[in-house]
Protein backbone atom coordinates (compact mmCIF):
# COMPACT_ATOMS: atom_id res chain seq x y z
CA MET A 1 12.38 -27.05 -18.02
CA GLY A 2 12.31 -25.49 -14.87
CA GLU A 3 8.57 -25.40 -12.63
CA ARG A 4 7.26 -22.68 -11.62
CA PRO A 5 6.82 -21.56 -7.86
CA LYS A 6 3.71 -22.06 -6.22
CA MET A 7 1.37 -19.51 -5.33
CA ALA A 8 2.06 -19.60 -1.94
CA GLU A 9 6.10 -19.63 -2.18
CA ARG A 10 5.65 -16.25 -4.28
CA THR A 11 6.94 -12.88 -2.77
CA GLN A 12 4.52 -10.34 -1.67
CA ASN A 13 5.73 -6.94 -3.43
CA LEU A 14 7.05 -4.37 -0.83
CA GLN A 15 4.72 -1.80 -2.83
CA ASP A 16 1.22 -4.74 -2.28
CA LEU A 17 2.12 -5.46 1.24
CA PHE A 18 2.46 -1.55 1.96
CA LEU A 19 -1.05 -0.86 0.32
CA ASN A 20 -2.77 -4.20 1.83
CA THR A 21 -1.39 -3.09 5.15
CA VAL A 22 -2.92 0.27 5.34
CA ARG A 23 -5.74 -0.72 3.55
CA LYS A 24 -6.52 -3.43 6.44
CA SER A 25 -5.59 -0.92 9.33
CA LYS A 26 -7.84 1.67 7.66
CA ASN A 27 -4.57 3.66 8.84
CA PRO A 28 -5.16 7.43 7.57
CA LEU A 29 -2.12 8.67 5.00
CA THR A 30 -1.58 11.61 2.68
CA ILE A 31 -1.04 10.86 -0.79
CA PHE A 32 1.05 13.77 -2.52
CA LEU A 33 0.77 13.60 -6.17
CA ILE A 34 4.11 14.65 -8.51
CA ASN A 35 2.13 17.32 -9.11
CA GLY A 36 2.14 18.68 -6.06
CA VAL A 37 -1.56 18.10 -4.66
CA LYS A 38 -2.03 16.67 -1.82
CA LEU A 39 -4.60 14.34 -0.70
CA THR A 40 -5.25 12.21 2.66
CA GLY A 41 -7.73 9.49 3.56
CA ILE A 42 -8.20 6.00 3.62
CA VAL A 43 -7.45 2.92 1.22
CA THR A 44 -10.36 0.84 0.73
CA SER A 45 -8.80 -0.59 -2.34
CA PHE A 46 -5.99 -1.14 -4.76
CA ASP A 47 -5.09 -2.68 -8.29
CA ASN A 48 -1.69 -2.52 -10.61
CA PHE A 49 -2.69 0.59 -11.76
CA CYS A 50 -4.55 2.59 -8.88
CA VAL A 51 -5.11 3.28 -5.36
CA LEU A 52 -9.00 3.96 -4.55
CA LEU A 53 -8.84 6.76 -1.22
CA ARG A 54 -11.85 7.69 0.72
CA ARG A 55 -12.55 10.65 2.71
CA ASP A 56 -15.69 11.85 4.17
CA GLY A 57 -18.04 9.56 1.98
CA HIS A 58 -16.50 10.44 -0.98
CA SER A 59 -13.85 7.81 -3.09
CA GLN A 60 -11.00 9.20 -5.39
CA LEU A 61 -9.65 6.95 -7.71
CA VAL A 62 -5.69 7.84 -7.81
CA TYR A 63 -3.58 6.41 -10.96
CA LYS A 64 -0.24 4.95 -8.97
CA HIS A 65 1.89 6.75 -11.83
CA ALA A 66 0.99 10.28 -10.51
CA ILE A 67 1.93 9.86 -7.03
CA SER A 68 5.08 10.69 -5.35
CA THR A 69 5.16 10.09 -2.07
CA ILE A 70 2.63 8.05 0.39
CA MET A 71 2.60 9.25 4.18
CA PRO A 72 0.49 7.18 6.65
CA SER A 73 -0.48 9.11 9.99
CA GLN A 74 0.74 6.65 12.33
CA PRO A 75 3.80 4.05 11.94
CA VAL A 76 2.96 1.02 9.58
CA GLN A 77 4.32 -2.66 10.73
CA LEU A 78 4.78 -4.63 7.19
CA TYR A 79 6.35 -7.76 9.00
CA ASP A 80 6.19 -9.75 12.09
CA ALA A 81 8.66 -9.26 14.67
CA GLU A 82 9.45 -12.54 14.79
CA GLU A 83 9.84 -12.78 10.86
CA SER A 84 12.41 -9.66 11.26
CA ASN A 85 14.71 -11.38 13.66
CA ARG A 86 14.98 -14.85 11.69
CA ASP A 87 16.36 -12.46 8.29
CA SER A 88 18.84 -11.03 11.01
């Protein structure tokens, strides 16, 4: 049987990488829901099913299946410049 890849060797999925980057940077963002509602705030936490959004001292738990688009207020750099040069 094949050997399972070690945890460090697994690649992080794009969704987790994006959310973790905006969480760490405390970059304000706008979340558009599929019903047209627009939410703004800072991502404080997330898991496989939901995102915790904080604004004006209040938290909102937003289920990912209800999210259409996430738009950060500032550009997000997901990879180091050195990493992207290696991939080219």
